[in-house]
Amino acid sequence: MPDFSWDPNDFLDILGVLPSEDEYGVSYRYVVDRRPLFLALTIWPFDGDVELAIRCEGVSEPVVHLNILDCPGARVIAEKSGKYIEFAAANLFAGRYDNARPAPYGFRLRIEPGLQVTTFSYDI
């Protein structure tokens, strides 16, 4: 069973919404309304799976839709330039991941000042 390293309290703080849990408590779904954009972020911590969708009001399909299987974890970052969540890339690097140190690469979900999805890499 994969270990998804994260702090749900940090996600609550940065996203500003309580997650809904499925009936068995195996997933957390956060829905953030930043009209005209809507963010839906679902995390299955026992499987290490993450789904992210950003929709635009009036458009039927998501403008961004990402799925990561076996994601090792995520960490919340607050900097002068804004707040974001870094999701580690799925099993693409050696070693155990914990959310106290940066992953070598993955994708970043910027929450403030506006919604944005980018990739990142660090020299490690």
PDB file of N, CA and C in Angstrom:
ATOM      1  N   MET A   1       0.846  -1.182   0.000  1.00  0.00           N
ATOM      2  CA  MET A   1       0.000   0.000   0.000  1.00  0.00           C
ATOM      3  C   MET A   1       0.890   1.245   0.000  1.00  0.00           C
ATOM      4  N   PRO A   2       0.721   2.139  -0.976  1.00  0.00           N
ATOM      5  CA  PRO A   2       1.531   3.352  -1.023  1.00  0.00           C
ATOM      6  C   PRO A   2       1.276   4.245   0.183  1.00  0.00           C
ATOM      7  N   ASP A   3       2.306   4.976   0.560  1.00  0.00           N
ATOM      8  CA  ASP A   3       2.176   5.961   1.625  1.00  0.00           C
ATOM      9  C   ASP A   3       2.192   7.344   0.993  1.00  0.00           C
ATOM     10  N   PHE A   4       1.056   8.025   1.011  1.00  0.00           N
ATOM     11  CA  PHE A   4       0.970   9.390   0.498  1.00  0.00           C
ATOM     12  C   PHE A   4       1.313  10.324   1.645  1.00  0.00           C
ATOM     13  N   SER A   5       2.426  11.014   1.535  1.00  0.00           N
ATOM     14  CA  SER A   5       2.894  11.905   2.593  1.00  0.00           C
ATOM     15  C   SER A   5       2.270  13.287   2.398  1.00  0.00           C
ATOM     16  N   TRP A   6       1.460  13.716   3.389  1.00  0.00           N
ATOM     17  CA  TRP A   6       0.812  15.021   3.321  1.00  0.00           C
ATOM     18  C   TRP A   6       0.302  15.400   4.684  1.00  0.00           C
ATOM     19  N   ASP A   7      -0.086  16.656   4.827  1.00  0.00           N
ATOM     20  CA  ASP A   7      -0.717  17.131   6.050  1.00  0.00           C
ATOM     21  C   ASP A   7      -2.089  17.690   5.666  1.00  0.00           C
ATOM     22  N   PRO A   8      -3.168  16.940   5.926  1.00  0.00           N
ATOM     23  CA  PRO A   8      -4.512  17.411   5.554  1.00  0.00           C
ATOM     24  C   PRO A   8      -4.857  18.780   6.136  1.00  0.00           C
ATOM     25  N   ASN A   9      -4.297  19.108   7.304  1.00  0.00           N
ATOM     26  CA  ASN A   9      -4.569  20.424   7.892  1.00  0.00           C
ATOM     27  C   ASN A   9      -3.986  21.549   7.042  1.00  0.00           C
ATOM     28  N   ASP A  10      -2.817  21.314   6.429  1.00  0.00           N
ATOM     29  CA  ASP A  10      -2.237  22.310   5.528  1.00  0.00           C
ATOM     30  C   ASP A  10      -3.125  22.524   4.307  1.00  0.00           C
ATOM     31  N   PHE A  11      -3.711  21.432   3.795  1.00  0.00           N
ATOM     32  CA  PHE A  11      -4.607  21.542   2.640  1.00  0.00           C
ATOM     33  C   PHE A  11      -5.858  22.334   3.012  1.00  0.00           C
ATOM     34  N   LEU A  12      -6.396  22.080   4.189  1.00  0.00           N
ATOM     35  CA  LEU A  12      -7.557  22.831   4.666  1.00  0.00           C
ATOM     36  C   LEU A  12      -7.224  24.317   4.753  1.00  0.00           C
ATOM     37  N   ASP A  13      -6.043  24.618   5.267  1.00  0.00           N
ATOM     38  CA  ASP A  13      -5.628  26.004   5.431  1.00  0.00           C
ATOM     39  C   ASP A  13      -5.466  26.714   4.087  1.00  0.00           C
ATOM     40  N   ILE A  14      -4.784  26.094   3.147  1.00  0.00           N
ATOM     41  CA  ILE A  14      -4.512  26.765   1.875  1.00  0.00           C
ATOM     42  C   ILE A  14      -5.732  26.809   0.958  1.00  0.00           C
ATOM     43  N   LEU A  15      -6.530  25.743   0.950  1.00  0.00           N
ATOM     44  CA  LEU A  15      -7.687  25.701   0.058  1.00  0.00           C
ATOM     45  C   LEU A  15      -8.899  26.423   0.636  1.00  0.00           C
ATOM     46  N   GLY A  16      -8.967  26.521   1.961  1.00  0.00           N
ATOM     47  CA  GLY A  16     -10.047  27.268   2.598  1.00  0.00           C
ATOM     48  C   GLY A  16     -11.399  26.585   2.571  1.00  0.00           C
ATOM     49  N   VAL A  17     -11.426  25.294   2.260  1.00  0.00           N
ATOM     50  CA  VAL A  17     -12.682  24.536   2.244  1.00  0.00           C
ATOM     51  C   VAL A  17     -12.463  23.185   2.910  1.00  0.00           C
ATOM     52  N   LEU A  18     -13.518  22.687   3.545  1.00  0.00           N
ATOM     53  CA  LEU A  18     -13.468  21.338   4.106  1.00  0.00           C
ATOM     54  C   LEU A  18     -13.630  20.327   2.980  1.00  0.00           C
ATOM     55  N   PRO A  19     -12.891  19.227   3.047  1.00  0.00           N
ATOM     56  CA  PRO A  19     -13.080  18.213   2.015  1.00  0.00           C
ATOM     57  C   PRO A  19     -14.325  17.388   2.291  1.00  0.00           C
ATOM     58  N   SER A  20     -14.896  16.863   1.230  1.00  0.00           N
ATOM     59  CA  SER A  20     -15.942  15.860   1.418  1.00  0.00           C
ATOM     60  C   SER A  20     -15.252  14.505   1.329  1.00  0.00           C
ATOM     61  N   GLU A  21     -15.662  13.593   2.182  1.00  0.00           N
ATOM     62  CA  GLU A  21     -15.087  12.252   2.178  1.00  0.00           C
ATOM     63  C   GLU A  21     -16.112  11.301   1.600  1.00  0.00           C
ATOM     64  N   ASP A  22     -15.623  10.290   0.868  1.00  0.00           N
ATOM     65  CA  ASP A  22     -16.579   9.304   0.366  1.00  0.00           C
ATOM     66  C   ASP A  22     -17.092   8.481   1.543  1.00  0.00           C
ATOM     67  N   GLU A  23     -18.073   7.662   1.311  1.00  0.00           N
ATOM     68  CA  GLU A  23     -18.742   6.968   2.414  1.00  0.00           C
ATOM     69  C   GLU A  23     -17.820   6.039   3.197  1.00  0.00           C
ATOM     70  N   TYR A  24     -16.720   5.607   2.596  1.00  0.00           N
ATOM     71  CA  TYR A  24     -15.791   4.719   3.296  1.00  0.00           C
ATOM     72  C   TYR A  24     -14.556   5.450   3.807  1.00  0.00           C
ATOM     73  N   GLY A  25     -14.478   6.745   3.596  1.00  0.00           N
ATOM     74  CA  GLY A  25     -13.373   7.546   4.102  1.00  0.00           C
ATOM     75  C   GLY A  25     -12.047   7.300   3.413  1.00  0.00           C
ATOM     76  N   VAL A  26     -12.084   6.858   2.152  1.00  0.00           N
ATOM     77  CA  VAL A  26     -10.831   6.555   1.461  1.00  0.00           C
ATOM     78  C   VAL A  26     -10.403   7.657   0.491  1.00  0.00           C
ATOM     79  N   SER A  27     -11.216   8.696   0.336  1.00  0.00           N
ATOM     80  CA  SER A  27     -10.811   9.808  -0.522  1.00  0.00           C
ATOM     81  C   SER A  27     -11.265  11.128   0.086  1.00  0.00           C
ATOM     82  N   TYR A  28     -10.531  12.170  -0.276  1.00  0.00           N
ATOM     83  CA  TYR A  28     -10.837  13.532   0.148  1.00  0.00           C
ATOM     84  C   TYR A  28     -11.017  14.368  -1.110  1.00  0.00           C
ATOM     85  N   ARG A  29     -12.155  15.046  -1.220  1.00  0.00           N
ATOM     86  CA  ARG A  29     -12.432  15.873  -2.404  1.00  0.00           C
ATOM     87  C   ARG A  29     -12.626  17.321  -1.958  1.00  0.00           C
ATOM     88  N   TYR A  30     -11.783  18.182  -2.499  1.00  0.00           N
ATOM     89  CA  TYR A  30     -11.845  19.612  -2.225  1.00  0.00           C
ATOM     90  C   TYR A  30     -12.402  20.307  -3.461  1.00  0.00           C
ATOM     91  N   VAL A  31     -13.395  21.157  -3.276  1.00  0.00           N
ATOM     92  CA  VAL A  31     -13.952  21.938  -4.381  1.00  0.00           C
ATOM     93  C   VAL A  31     -13.811  23.413  -4.010  1.00  0.00           C
ATOM     94  N   VAL A  32     -13.066  24.145  -4.841  1.00  0.00           N
ATOM     95  CA  VAL A  32     -12.770  25.549  -4.582  1.00  0.00           C
ATOM     96  C   VAL A  32     -13.403  26.389  -5.687  1.00  0.00           C
ATOM     97  N   ASP A  33     -14.192  27.376  -5.288  1.00  0.00           N
ATOM     98  CA  ASP A  33     -14.893  28.262  -6.223  1.00  0.00           C
ATOM     99  C   ASP A  33     -14.123  29.574  -6.335  1.00  0.00           C
ATOM    100  N   ARG A  34     -13.498  29.795  -7.470  1.00  0.00           N
ATOM    101  CA  ARG A  34     -12.810  31.057  -7.771  1.00  0.00           C
ATOM    102  C   ARG A  34     -13.329  31.558  -9.110  1.00  0.00           C
ATOM    103  N   ARG A  35     -14.615  31.862  -9.147  1.00  0.00           N
ATOM    104  CA  ARG A  35     -15.268  32.217 -10.416  1.00  0.00           C
ATOM    105  C   ARG A  35     -14.437  33.198 -11.225  1.00  0.00           C
ATOM    106  N   PRO A  36     -14.324  32.905 -12.506  1.00  0.00           N
ATOM    107  CA  PRO A  36     -15.044  31.922 -13.309  1.00  0.00           C
ATOM    108  C   PRO A  36     -14.433  30.521 -13.277  1.00  0.00           C
ATOM    109  N   LEU A  37     -13.396  30.302 -12.446  1.00  0.00           N
ATOM    110  CA  LEU A  37     -12.756  28.990 -12.381  1.00  0.00           C
ATOM    111  C   LEU A  37     -13.224  28.205 -11.164  1.00  0.00           C
ATOM    112  N   PHE A  38     -13.258  26.889 -11.319  1.00  0.00           N
ATOM    113  CA  PHE A  38     -13.605  25.974 -10.235  1.00  0.00           C
ATOM    114  C   PHE A  38     -12.536  24.889 -10.190  1.00  0.00           C
ATOM    115  N   LEU A  39     -11.995  24.651  -9.008  1.00  0.00           N
ATOM    116  CA  LEU A  39     -10.983  23.615  -8.812  1.00  0.00           C
ATOM    117  C   LEU A  39     -11.617  22.435  -8.097  1.00  0.00           C
ATOM    118  N   ALA A  40     -11.405  21.241  -8.614  1.00  0.00           N
ATOM    119  CA  ALA A  40     -11.799  20.004  -7.931  1.00  0.00           C
ATOM    120  C   ALA A  40     -10.530  19.180  -7.753  1.00  0.00           C
ATOM    121  N   LEU A  41     -10.155  18.938  -6.509  1.00  0.00           N
ATOM    122  CA  LEU A  41      -8.950  18.183  -6.177  1.00  0.00           C
ATOM    123  C   LEU A  41      -9.364  16.994  -5.330  1.00  0.00           C
ATOM    124  N   THR A  42      -9.071  15.791  -5.802  1.00  0.00           N
ATOM    125  CA  THR A  42      -9.417  14.573  -5.069  1.00  0.00           C
ATOM    126  C   THR A  42      -8.146  13.801  -4.772  1.00  0.00           C
ATOM    127  N   ILE A  43      -8.013  13.371  -3.521  1.00  0.00           N
ATOM    128  CA  ILE A  43      -6.839  12.617  -3.086  1.00  0.00           C
ATOM    129  C   ILE A  43      -7.301  11.308  -2.472  1.00  0.00           C
ATOM    130  N   TRP A  44      -6.692  10.224  -2.928  1.00  0.00           N
ATOM    131  CA  TRP A  44      -6.896   8.895  -2.356  1.00  0.00           C
ATOM    132  C   TRP A  44      -5.600   8.538  -1.635  1.00  0.00           C
ATOM    133  N   PRO A  45      -5.456   8.902  -0.337  1.00  0.00           N
ATOM    134  CA  PRO A  45      -4.170   8.737   0.349  1.00  0.00           C
ATOM    135  C   PRO A  45      -3.715   7.285   0.495  1.00  0.00           C
ATOM    136  N   PHE A  46      -4.629   6.337   0.589  1.00  0.00           N
ATOM    137  CA  PHE A  46      -4.222   4.940   0.748  1.00  0.00           C
ATOM    138  C   PHE A  46      -3.648   4.375  -0.547  1.00  0.00           C
ATOM    139  N   ASP A  47      -4.116   4.891  -1.680  1.00  0.00           N
ATOM    140  CA  ASP A  47      -3.607   4.454  -2.983  1.00  0.00           C
ATOM    141  C   ASP A  47      -2.498   5.362  -3.501  1.00  0.00           C
ATOM    142  N   GLY A  48      -2.432   6.581  -2.970  1.00  0.00           N
ATOM    143  CA  GLY A  48      -1.466   7.547  -3.468  1.00  0.00           C
ATOM    144  C   GLY A  48      -1.879   8.171  -4.792  1.00  0.00           C
ATOM    145  N   ASP A  49      -3.169   8.204  -5.068  1.00  0.00           N
ATOM    146  CA  ASP A  49      -3.665   8.751  -6.329  1.00  0.00           C
ATOM    147  C   ASP A  49      -4.208  10.165  -6.121  1.00  0.00           C
ATOM    148  N   VAL A  50      -4.025  11.001  -7.145  1.00  0.00           N
ATOM    149  CA  VAL A  50      -4.462  12.394  -7.101  1.00  0.00           C
ATOM    150  C   VAL A  50      -5.149  12.721  -8.425  1.00  0.00           C
ATOM    151  N   GLU A  51      -6.283  13.403  -8.338  1.00  0.00           N
ATOM    152  CA  GLU A  51      -6.958  13.911  -9.535  1.00  0.00           C
ATOM    153  C   GLU A  51      -7.207  15.396  -9.346  1.00  0.00           C
ATOM    154  N   LEU A  52      -6.873  16.170 -10.365  1.00  0.00           N
ATOM    155  CA  LEU A  52      -7.056  17.608 -10.329  1.00  0.00           C
ATOM    156  C   LEU A  52      -7.796  18.026 -11.592  1.00  0.00           C
ATOM    157  N   ALA A  53      -8.849  18.800 -11.428  1.00  0.00           N
ATOM    158  CA  ALA A  53      -9.580  19.338 -12.579  1.00  0.00           C
ATOM    159  C   ALA A  53      -9.877  20.806 -12.319  1.00  0.00           C
ATOM    160  N   ILE A  54      -9.582  21.632 -13.310  1.00  0.00           N
ATOM    161  CA  ILE A  54      -9.947  23.044 -13.263  1.00  0.00           C
ATOM    162  C   ILE A  54     -10.942  23.275 -14.387  1.00  0.00           C
ATOM    163  N   ARG A  55     -12.101  23.773 -14.004  1.00  0.00           N
ATOM    164  CA  ARG A  55     -13.171  24.038 -14.973  1.00  0.00           C
ATOM    165  C   ARG A  55     -13.406  25.540 -15.055  1.00  0.00           C
ATOM    166  N   CYS A  56     -13.871  25.944 -16.209  1.00  0.00           N
ATOM    167  CA  CYS A  56     -14.239  27.338 -16.432  1.00  0.00           C
ATOM    168  C   CYS A  56     -15.754  27.404 -16.558  1.00  0.00           C
ATOM    169  N   GLU A  57     -16.336  28.363 -15.876  1.00  0.00           N
ATOM    170  CA  GLU A  57     -17.787  28.530 -15.908  1.00  0.00           C
ATOM    171  C   GLU A  57     -18.279  28.608 -17.351  1.00  0.00           C
ATOM    172  N   GLY A  58     -19.291  27.805 -17.663  1.00  0.00           N
ATOM    173  CA  GLY A  58     -19.871  27.807 -18.995  1.00  0.00           C
ATOM    174  C   GLY A  58     -19.210  26.865 -19.987  1.00  0.00           C
ATOM    175  N   VAL A  59     -18.137  26.173 -19.566  1.00  0.00           N
ATOM    176  CA  VAL A  59     -17.437  25.225 -20.435  1.00  0.00           C
ATOM    177  C   VAL A  59     -17.651  23.831 -19.868  1.00  0.00           C
ATOM    178  N   SER A  60     -18.102  22.898 -20.703  1.00  0.00           N
ATOM    179  CA  SER A  60     -18.479  21.576 -20.193  1.00  0.00           C
ATOM    180  C   SER A  60     -17.284  20.710 -19.789  1.00  0.00           C
ATOM    181  N   GLU A  61     -16.181  20.793 -20.516  1.00  0.00           N
ATOM    182  CA  GLU A  61     -15.009  19.973 -20.207  1.00  0.00           C
ATOM    183  C   GLU A  61     -13.992  20.777 -19.399  1.00  0.00           C
ATOM    184  N   PRO A  62     -13.211  20.117 -18.541  1.00  0.00           N
ATOM    185  CA  PRO A  62     -12.186  20.837 -17.781  1.00  0.00           C
ATOM    186  C   PRO A  62     -11.133  21.447 -18.711  1.00  0.00           C
ATOM    187  N   VAL A  63     -10.620  22.611 -18.343  1.00  0.00           N
ATOM    188  CA  VAL A  63      -9.522  23.204 -19.102  1.00  0.00           C
ATOM    189  C   VAL A  63      -8.195  22.568 -18.700  1.00  0.00           C
ATOM    190  N   VAL A  64      -8.124  22.038 -17.487  1.00  0.00           N
ATOM    191  CA  VAL A  64      -6.980  21.255 -17.011  1.00  0.00           C
ATOM    192  C   VAL A  64      -7.531  20.023 -16.321  1.00  0.00           C
ATOM    193  N   HIS A  65      -7.000  18.853 -16.671  1.00  0.00           N
ATOM    194  CA  HIS A  65      -7.409  17.606 -16.018  1.00  0.00           C
ATOM    195  C   HIS A  65      -6.171  16.726 -15.884  1.00  0.00           C
ATOM    196  N   LEU A  66      -5.723  16.490 -14.649  1.00  0.00           N
ATOM    197  CA  LEU A  66      -4.528  15.695 -14.380  1.00  0.00           C
ATOM    198  C   LEU A  66      -4.861  14.546 -13.449  1.00  0.00           C
ATOM    199  N   ASN A  67      -4.240  13.411 -13.699  1.00  0.00           N
ATOM    200  CA  ASN A  67      -4.312  12.263 -12.797  1.00  0.00           C
ATOM    201  C   ASN A  67      -2.896  11.788 -12.528  1.00  0.00           C
ATOM    202  N   ILE A  68      -2.571  11.578 -11.270  1.00  0.00           N
ATOM    203  CA  ILE A  68      -1.285  10.996 -10.907  1.00  0.00           C
ATOM    204  C   ILE A  68      -1.579   9.738 -10.104  1.00  0.00           C
ATOM    205  N   LEU A  69      -1.051   8.621 -10.567  1.00  0.00           N
ATOM    206  CA  LEU A  69      -1.189   7.360  -9.848  1.00  0.00           C
ATOM    207  C   LEU A  69       0.084   7.109  -9.056  1.00  0.00           C
ATOM    208  N   ASP A  70      -0.068   6.587  -7.859  1.00  0.00           N
ATOM    209  CA  ASP A  70       1.074   6.288  -6.976  1.00  0.00           C
ATOM    210  C   ASP A  70       1.920   7.518  -6.671  1.00  0.00           C
ATOM    211  N   CYS A  71       1.278   8.646  -6.443  1.00  0.00           N
ATOM    212  CA  CYS A  71       1.982   9.874  -6.068  1.00  0.00           C
ATOM    213  C   CYS A  71       2.536   9.700  -4.654  1.00  0.00           C
ATOM    214  N   PRO A  72       3.834   9.967  -4.442  1.00  0.00           N
ATOM    215  CA  PRO A  72       4.405   9.785  -3.107  1.00  0.00           C
ATOM    216  C   PRO A  72       3.903  10.784  -2.070  1.00  0.00           C
ATOM    217  N   GLY A  73       3.469  11.978  -2.509  1.00  0.00           N
ATOM    218  CA  GLY A  73       2.984  12.942  -1.534  1.00  0.00           C
ATOM    219  C   GLY A  73       2.966  14.361  -2.055  1.00  0.00           C
ATOM    220  N   ALA A  74       2.614  15.280  -1.161  1.00  0.00           N
ATOM    221  CA  ALA A  74       2.497  16.691  -1.517  1.00  0.00           C
ATOM    222  C   ALA A  74       2.831  17.539  -0.304  1.00  0.00           C
ATOM    223  N   ARG A  75       3.262  18.762  -0.581  1.00  0.00           N
ATOM    224  CA  ARG A  75       3.534  19.707   0.501  1.00  0.00           C
ATOM    225  C   ARG A  75       3.006  21.071   0.116  1.00  0.00           C
ATOM    226  N   VAL A  76       2.627  21.855   1.122  1.00  0.00           N
ATOM    227  CA  VAL A  76       2.082  23.201   0.931  1.00  0.00           C
ATOM    228  C   VAL A  76       3.207  24.205   1.147  1.00  0.00           C
ATOM    229  N   ILE A  77       3.288  25.175   0.240  1.00  0.00           N
ATOM    230  CA  ILE A  77       4.317  26.210   0.296  1.00  0.00           C
ATOM    231  C   ILE A  77       3.626  27.571   0.325  1.00  0.00           C
ATOM    232  N   ALA A  78       4.106  28.453   1.204  1.00  0.00           N
ATOM    233  CA  ALA A  78       3.631  29.842   1.242  1.00  0.00           C
ATOM    234  C   ALA A  78       4.850  30.742   1.092  1.00  0.00           C
ATOM    235  N   GLU A  79       4.880  31.513   0.001  1.00  0.00           N
ATOM    236  CA  GLU A  79       5.982  32.425  -0.282  1.00  0.00           C
ATOM    237  C   GLU A  79       5.427  33.814  -0.561  1.00  0.00           C
ATOM    238  N   LYS A  80       6.322  34.765  -0.733  1.00  0.00           N
ATOM    239  CA  LYS A  80       5.890  36.123  -1.071  1.00  0.00           C
ATOM    240  C   LYS A  80       5.080  36.143  -2.358  1.00  0.00           C
ATOM    241  N   SER A  81       5.462  35.272  -3.304  1.00  0.00           N
ATOM    242  CA  SER A  81       4.798  35.267  -4.611  1.00  0.00           C
ATOM    243  C   SER A  81       3.432  34.591  -4.584  1.00  0.00           C
ATOM    244  N   GLY A  82       3.103  33.907  -3.499  1.00  0.00           N
ATOM    245  CA  GLY A  82       1.802  33.251  -3.395  1.00  0.00           C
ATOM    246  C   GLY A  82       1.862  31.948  -2.627  1.00  0.00           C
ATOM    247  N   LYS A  83       0.775  31.218  -2.674  1.00  0.00           N
ATOM    248  CA  LYS A  83       0.665  29.933  -1.981  1.00  0.00           C
ATOM    249  C   LYS A  83       0.386  28.853  -3.008  1.00  0.00           C
ATOM    250  N   TYR A  84       0.991  27.687  -2.805  1.00  0.00           N
ATOM    251  CA  TYR A  84       0.778  26.598  -3.739  1.00  0.00           C
ATOM    252  C   TYR A  84       1.023  25.252  -3.073  1.00  0.00           C
ATOM    253  N   ILE A  85       0.610  24.202  -3.767  1.00  0.00           N
ATOM    254  CA  ILE A  85       0.817  22.824  -3.332  1.00  0.00           C
ATOM    255  C   ILE A  85       1.706  22.157  -4.364  1.00  0.00           C
ATOM    256  N   GLU A  86       2.788  21.534  -3.915  1.00  0.00           N
ATOM    257  CA  GLU A  86       3.654  20.772  -4.806  1.00  0.00           C
ATOM    258  C   GLU A  86       3.343  19.292  -4.658  1.00  0.00           C
ATOM    259  N   PHE A  87       3.013  18.642  -5.771  1.00  0.00           N
ATOM    260  CA  PHE A  87       2.755  17.206  -5.805  1.00  0.00           C
ATOM    261  C   PHE A  87       3.965  16.527  -6.425  1.00  0.00           C
ATOM    262  N   ALA A  88       4.530  15.554  -5.723  1.00  0.00           N
ATOM    263  CA  ALA A  88       5.693  14.829  -6.237  1.00  0.00           C
ATOM    264  C   ALA A  88       5.285  13.977  -7.428  1.00  0.00           C
ATOM    265  N   ALA A  89       6.191  13.870  -8.393  1.00  0.00           N
ATOM    266  CA  ALA A  89       5.938  13.016  -9.554  1.00  0.00           C
ATOM    267  C   ALA A  89       5.861  11.561  -9.096  1.00  0.00           C
ATOM    268  N   ALA A  90       5.111  10.773  -9.816  1.00  0.00           N
ATOM    269  CA  ALA A  90       4.846   9.387  -9.428  1.00  0.00           C
ATOM    270  C   ALA A  90       6.042   8.479  -9.674  1.00  0.00           C
ATOM    271  N   ASN A  91       6.631   7.991  -8.601  1.00  0.00           N
ATOM    272  CA  ASN A  91       7.667   6.954  -8.647  1.00  0.00           C
ATOM    273  C   ASN A  91       8.746   7.180  -9.693  1.00  0.00           C
ATOM    274  N   LEU A  92       9.154   8.404  -9.903  1.00  0.00           N
ATOM    275  CA  LEU A  92      10.170   8.680 -10.903  1.00  0.00           C
ATOM    276  C   LEU A  92      11.529   8.986 -10.294  1.00  0.00           C
ATOM    277  N   PHE A  93      11.657   8.842  -8.986  1.00  0.00           N
ATOM    278  CA  PHE A  93      12.940   9.086  -8.354  1.00  0.00           C
ATOM    279  C   PHE A  93      13.137   8.085  -7.229  1.00  0.00           C
ATOM    280  N   ALA A  94      14.395   7.845  -6.898  1.00  0.00           N
ATOM    281  CA  ALA A  94      14.711   6.855  -5.868  1.00  0.00           C
ATOM    282  C   ALA A  94      14.565   7.471  -4.485  1.00  0.00           C
ATOM    283  N   GLY A  95      14.270   6.643  -3.531  1.00  0.00           N
ATOM    284  CA  GLY A  95      14.193   7.092  -2.152  1.00  0.00           C
ATOM    285  C   GLY A  95      12.775   7.330  -1.688  1.00  0.00           C
ATOM    286  N   ARG A  96      12.644   7.391  -0.389  1.00  0.00           N
ATOM    287  CA  ARG A  96      11.341   7.615   0.227  1.00  0.00           C
ATOM    288  C   ARG A  96      11.076   9.113   0.287  1.00  0.00           C
ATOM    289  N   TYR A  97       9.867   9.514  -0.032  1.00  0.00           N
ATOM    290  CA  TYR A  97       9.492  10.928  -0.020  1.00  0.00           C
ATOM    291  C   TYR A  97       8.794  11.255   1.286  1.00  0.00           C
ATOM    292  N   ASP A  98       9.120  12.410   1.852  1.00  0.00           N
ATOM    293  CA  ASP A  98       8.311  12.950   2.947  1.00  0.00           C
ATOM    294  C   ASP A  98       8.068  14.418   2.629  1.00  0.00           C
ATOM    295  N   ASN A  99       6.999  14.958   3.175  1.00  0.00           N
ATOM    296  CA  ASN A  99       6.599  16.310   2.782  1.00  0.00           C
ATOM    297  C   ASN A  99       7.413  17.411   3.446  1.00  0.00           C
ATOM    298  N   ALA A 100       8.470  17.059   4.175  1.00  0.00           N
ATOM    299  CA  ALA A 100       9.319  18.067   4.797  1.00  0.00           C
ATOM    300  C   ALA A 100      10.379  18.589   3.826  1.00  0.00           C
ATOM    301  N   ARG A 101      10.709  17.799   2.803  1.00  0.00           N
ATOM    302  CA  ARG A 101      11.712  18.190   1.811  1.00  0.00           C
ATOM    303  C   ARG A 101      11.065  18.226   0.433  1.00  0.00           C
ATOM    304  N   PRO A 102      11.629  19.025  -0.469  1.00  0.00           N
ATOM    305  CA  PRO A 102      11.040  19.067  -1.813  1.00  0.00           C
ATOM    306  C   PRO A 102      11.299  17.782  -2.587  1.00  0.00           C
ATOM    307  N   ALA A 103      10.345  17.402  -3.410  1.00  0.00           N
ATOM    308  CA  ALA A 103      10.549  16.304  -4.354  1.00  0.00           C
ATOM    309  C   ALA A 103      11.400  16.849  -5.501  1.00  0.00           C
ATOM    310  N   PRO A 104      12.148  15.998  -6.190  1.00  0.00           N
ATOM    311  CA  PRO A 104      12.974  16.497  -7.294  1.00  0.00           C
ATOM    312  C   PRO A 104      12.152  17.153  -8.404  1.00  0.00           C
ATOM    313  N   TYR A 105      10.965  16.626  -8.692  1.00  0.00           N
ATOM    314  CA  TYR A 105      10.105  17.205  -9.708  1.00  0.00           C
ATOM    315  C   TYR A 105       8.677  16.725  -9.535  1.00  0.00           C
ATOM    316  N   GLY A 106       7.764  17.432 -10.195  1.00  0.00           N
ATOM    317  CA  GLY A 106       6.348  17.115 -10.091  1.00  0.00           C
ATOM    318  C   GLY A 106       5.536  18.250 -10.676  1.00  0.00           C
ATOM    319  N   PHE A 107       4.323  18.438 -10.158  1.00  0.00           N
ATOM    320  CA  PHE A 107       3.526  19.580 -10.610  1.00  0.00           C
ATOM    321  C   PHE A 107       3.115  20.417  -9.425  1.00  0.00           C
ATOM    322  N   ARG A 108       2.931  21.689  -9.705  1.00  0.00           N
ATOM    323  CA  ARG A 108       2.613  22.675  -8.671  1.00  0.00           C
ATOM    324  C   ARG A 108       1.233  23.245  -8.968  1.00  0.00           C
ATOM    325  N   LEU A 109       0.375  23.235  -7.949  1.00  0.00           N
ATOM    326  CA  LEU A 109      -0.948  23.853  -8.031  1.00  0.00           C
ATOM    327  C   LEU A 109      -0.900  25.152  -7.249  1.00  0.00           C
ATOM    328  N   ARG A 110      -0.858  26.274  -7.955  1.00  0.00           N
ATOM    329  CA  ARG A 110      -0.844  27.581  -7.293  1.00  0.00           C
ATOM    330  C   ARG A 110      -2.281  27.936  -6.921  1.00  0.00           C
ATOM    331  N   ILE A 111      -2.463  28.362  -5.675  1.00  0.00           N
ATOM    332  CA  ILE A 111      -3.778  28.734  -5.157  1.00  0.00           C
ATOM    333  C   ILE A 111      -3.923  30.251  -5.115  1.00  0.00           C
ATOM    334  N   GLU A 112      -2.893  30.937  -4.653  1.00  0.00           N
ATOM    335  CA  GLU A 112      -2.918  32.396  -4.572  1.00  0.00           C
ATOM    336  C   GLU A 112      -1.719  32.943  -5.319  1.00  0.00           C
ATOM    337  N   PRO A 113      -1.803  34.011  -6.046  1.00  0.00           N
ATOM    338  CA  PRO A 113      -2.942  34.912  -6.138  1.00  0.00           C
ATOM    339  C   PRO A 113      -4.051  34.419  -7.059  1.00  0.00           C
ATOM    340  N   GLY A 114      -3.802  33.402  -7.887  1.00  0.00           N
ATOM    341  CA  GLY A 114      -4.836  32.845  -8.759  1.00  0.00           C
ATOM    342  C   GLY A 114      -4.525  31.390  -9.046  1.00  0.00           C
ATOM    343  N   LEU A 115      -5.497  30.652  -9.583  1.00  0.00           N
ATOM    344  CA  LEU A 115      -5.299  29.243  -9.899  1.00  0.00           C
ATOM    345  C   LEU A 115      -4.367  29.102 -11.102  1.00  0.00           C
ATOM    346  N   GLN A 116      -3.371  28.219 -10.952  1.00  0.00           N
ATOM    347  CA  GLN A 116      -2.422  27.965 -12.029  1.00  0.00           C
ATOM    348  C   GLN A 116      -1.782  26.605 -11.795  1.00  0.00           C
ATOM    349  N   VAL A 117      -1.526  25.861 -12.864  1.00  0.00           N
ATOM    350  CA  VAL A 117      -0.848  24.573 -12.773  1.00  0.00           C
ATOM    351  C   VAL A 117       0.430  24.659 -13.596  1.00  0.00           C
ATOM    352  N   THR A 118       1.568  24.322 -12.969  1.00  0.00           N
ATOM    353  CA  THR A 118       2.857  24.313 -13.653  1.00  0.00           C
ATOM    354  C   THR A 118       3.640  23.084 -13.212  1.00  0.00           C
ATOM    355  N   THR A 119       4.673  22.748 -13.962  1.00  0.00           N
ATOM    356  CA  THR A 119       5.597  21.706 -13.523  1.00  0.00           C
ATOM    357  C   THR A 119       6.737  22.373 -12.766  1.00  0.00           C
ATOM    358  N   PHE A 120       7.484  21.588 -11.992  1.00  0.00           N
ATOM    359  CA  PHE A 120       8.643  22.126 -11.287  1.00  0.00           C
ATOM    360  C   PHE A 120       9.738  21.072 -11.237  1.00  0.00           C
ATOM    361  N   SER A 121      10.970  21.536 -11.017  1.00  0.00           N
ATOM    362  CA  SER A 121      12.087  20.636 -10.736  1.00  0.00           C
ATOM    363  C   SER A 121      13.085  21.383  -9.865  1.00  0.00           C
ATOM    364  N   TYR A 122      13.724  20.644  -8.975  1.00  0.00           N
ATOM    365  CA  TYR A 122      14.745  21.186  -8.090  1.00  0.00           C
ATOM    366  C   TYR A 122      16.044  20.434  -8.341  1.00  0.00           C
ATOM    367  N   ASP A 123      17.168  21.114  -8.190  1.00  0.00           N
ATOM    368  CA  ASP A 123      18.460  20.432  -8.236  1.00  0.00           C
ATOM    369  C   ASP A 123      18.682  19.758  -6.893  1.00  0.00           C
ATOM    370  N   ILE A 124      18.678  18.447  -6.903  1.00  0.00           N
ATOM    371  CA  ILE A 124      18.843  17.707  -5.640  1.00  0.00           C
ATOM    372  C   ILE A 124      20.005  16.763  -5.771  1.00  0.00           C
TER     373      ILE A 124
END
